[in-house]
């Protein structure tokens, strides 16, 4: 989707390990840009509701009214892949760019970041439910 744009869009990427201040930096950049930036969380655990401890998930107060995306979008019993993250993330980036805002991809899941920043493509593959059931029966 982003590849079809006539010019390469400007996107800010902030990446690194948990608890290094990435989210705070993203908010400060957005505030510096007078809220003309929106944050896209690229963390494979922060997409899940209820997983707040240990993930460094930003709180509403810490967001300082800066728009954030991709937080609490699934429950822990739902699956979510890097391929789905790419689809969802590209839609969000397109909407942000259409508003003449700057997307800030912020997180520590390298594969999530690479799908958006480097344009990694994933083949469409359906789940092999029979194989999954067989593997569930095996011990570690």
Protein backbone atom coordinates (compact mmCIF):
# COMPACT_ATOMS: atom_id res chain seq x y z
CA UNK A 1 0.00 0.00 0.00
CA UNK A 2 2.68 2.53 1.03
CA UNK A 3 4.85 1.48 -1.93
CA UNK A 4 2.24 2.92 -4.31
CA UNK A 5 2.67 6.45 -2.94
CA UNK A 6 4.35 8.85 -5.42
CA UNK A 7 7.06 9.78 -2.91
CA UNK A 8 8.49 8.08 0.12
CA UNK A 9 6.49 9.31 3.14
CA UNK A 10 8.31 10.73 6.14
CA UNK A 11 7.88 8.41 9.09
CA UNK A 12 9.67 8.60 12.42
CA UNK A 13 10.77 5.29 13.96
CA UNK A 14 11.72 4.94 17.63
CA UNK A 15 12.87 1.46 18.60
CA UNK A 16 14.69 -0.21 21.44
CA UNK A 17 14.27 -2.39 24.52
CA UNK A 18 11.50 -2.09 27.13
CA UNK A 19 11.75 0.74 29.68
CA UNK A 20 14.18 2.94 27.74
CA UNK A 21 11.83 5.91 27.30
CA UNK A 22 10.64 5.28 23.74
CA UNK A 23 7.02 6.18 24.47
CA UNK A 24 7.95 9.34 26.35
CA UNK A 25 10.17 10.40 23.44
CA UNK A 26 7.38 9.73 20.93
CA UNK A 27 4.98 11.90 22.94
CA UNK A 28 7.55 14.69 23.25
CA UNK A 29 8.15 14.66 19.49
CA UNK A 30 4.39 14.76 18.83
CA UNK A 31 4.01 17.69 21.24
CA UNK A 32 6.95 19.45 19.57
CA UNK A 33 5.13 18.99 16.25
CA UNK A 34 2.10 20.63 17.87
CA UNK A 35 0.16 17.36 17.93
CA UNK A 36 0.50 16.92 14.17
CA UNK A 37 1.95 13.47 14.78
CA UNK A 38 0.36 10.21 15.90
CA UNK A 39 2.01 7.23 17.54
CA UNK A 40 1.71 3.67 16.27
CA UNK A 41 2.75 1.14 18.89
CA UNK A 42 5.01 -1.56 17.44
CA UNK A 43 5.02 -3.86 20.43
CA UNK A 44 3.80 -7.42 20.10
CA UNK A 45 2.55 -7.50 23.70
CA UNK A 46 0.97 -4.08 23.98
CA UNK A 47 -1.64 -4.97 21.35
CA UNK A 48 -3.25 -7.18 24.00
CA UNK A 49 -5.68 -5.95 26.62
CA UNK A 50 -4.83 -6.80 30.24
CA UNK A 51 -1.07 -7.08 29.53
CA UNK A 52 -0.04 -3.82 31.15
CA UNK A 53 2.50 -4.99 33.72
CA UNK A 54 5.86 -5.88 32.27
CA UNK A 55 5.14 -4.39 28.84
CA UNK A 56 5.76 -0.74 29.68
CA UNK A 57 2.41 0.16 28.10
CA UNK A 58 1.88 3.90 28.11
CA UNK A 59 -0.98 5.17 30.27
CA UNK A 60 -3.62 7.69 29.12
CA UNK A 61 -2.05 10.35 31.37
CA UNK A 62 1.40 9.72 29.87
CA UNK A 63 -0.06 10.06 26.36
CA UNK A 64 -0.74 13.75 27.04
CA UNK A 65 -3.65 13.71 24.56
CA UNK A 66 -1.41 12.51 21.71
CA UNK A 67 -3.25 9.97 19.55
CA UNK A 68 -1.94 6.41 19.91
CA UNK A 69 -2.79 3.39 17.77
CA UNK A 70 -2.37 -0.40 18.11
CA UNK A 71 -2.78 -0.58 21.88
CA UNK A 72 -5.31 -3.00 23.44
CA UNK A 73 -6.68 -4.18 20.08
CA UNK A 74 -6.85 -7.90 20.91
CA UNK A 75 -7.55 -10.07 23.94
CA UNK A 76 -4.83 -12.53 25.00
CA UNK A 77 -6.79 -15.51 23.63
CA UNK A 78 -6.76 -14.06 20.09
CA UNK A 79 -3.94 -14.61 17.63
CA UNK A 80 -2.22 -11.75 15.88
CA UNK A 81 0.66 -11.87 13.42
CA UNK A 82 3.27 -9.57 11.94
CA UNK A 83 1.42 -9.91 8.63
CA UNK A 84 -1.79 -8.62 10.25
CA UNK A 85 0.19 -5.86 11.98
CA UNK A 86 1.49 -4.75 8.59
CA UNK A 87 -2.02 -4.58 7.11
CA UNK A 88 -3.40 -2.68 10.09
CA UNK A 89 -0.35 -0.43 10.40
CA UNK A 90 -0.34 0.56 6.73
CA UNK A 91 -4.01 1.57 6.93
CA UNK A 92 -3.27 3.72 9.97
CA UNK A 93 -0.20 5.29 8.36
CA UNK A 94 -2.18 6.12 5.23
CA UNK A 95 -4.90 7.84 7.32
CA UNK A 96 -2.28 9.77 9.31
CA UNK A 97 -0.51 10.94 6.14
CA UNK A 98 -3.82 11.95 4.54
CA UNK A 99 -4.34 14.27 7.52
CA UNK A 100 -0.88 15.76 6.83
CA UNK A 101 0.34 14.39 10.17
CA UNK A 102 3.55 12.49 10.86
CA UNK A 103 3.38 8.81 11.84
CA UNK A 104 5.68 7.81 14.70
CA UNK A 105 6.27 4.06 14.85
CA UNK A 106 7.35 3.33 18.41
CA UNK A 107 8.20 0.00 19.98
CA UNK A 108 10.54 -2.86 20.57
CA UNK A 109 9.27 -5.61 18.29
CA UNK A 110 11.74 -5.49 15.44
CA UNK A 111 9.69 -7.56 13.03
CA UNK A 112 6.67 -5.29 13.50
CA UNK A 113 8.85 -2.24 12.83
CA UNK A 114 10.48 -3.86 9.78
CA UNK A 115 7.10 -4.70 8.23
CA UNK A 116 6.24 -1.01 8.10
CA UNK A 117 9.64 0.67 7.75
CA UNK A 118 11.21 -1.79 5.30
CA UNK A 119 8.09 -3.03 3.54
CA UNK A 120 8.53 -6.72 4.29
CA UNK A 121 5.86 -8.76 2.52
CA UNK A 122 4.26 -11.91 3.89
CA UNK A 123 2.68 -14.67 1.83
CA UNK A 124 -0.97 -15.45 2.47
CA UNK A 125 -0.97 -18.83 4.20
CA UNK A 126 -3.95 -20.45 5.88
CA UNK A 127 -3.50 -22.13 9.24
CA UNK A 128 -3.03 -25.90 9.21
CA UNK A 129 -5.52 -26.74 11.96
CA UNK A 130 -4.86 -30.50 11.72
CA UNK A 131 -1.12 -30.00 12.29
CA UNK A 132 -1.77 -27.55 15.13
CA UNK A 133 -4.04 -30.08 16.85
CA UNK A 134 -1.35 -32.78 16.51
CA UNK A 135 1.32 -30.48 17.93
CA UNK A 136 -0.92 -29.51 20.88
CA UNK A 137 -0.89 -33.18 21.92
CA UNK A 138 2.90 -33.29 22.15
CA UNK A 139 4.89 -32.52 25.29
CA UNK A 140 7.66 -29.97 25.44
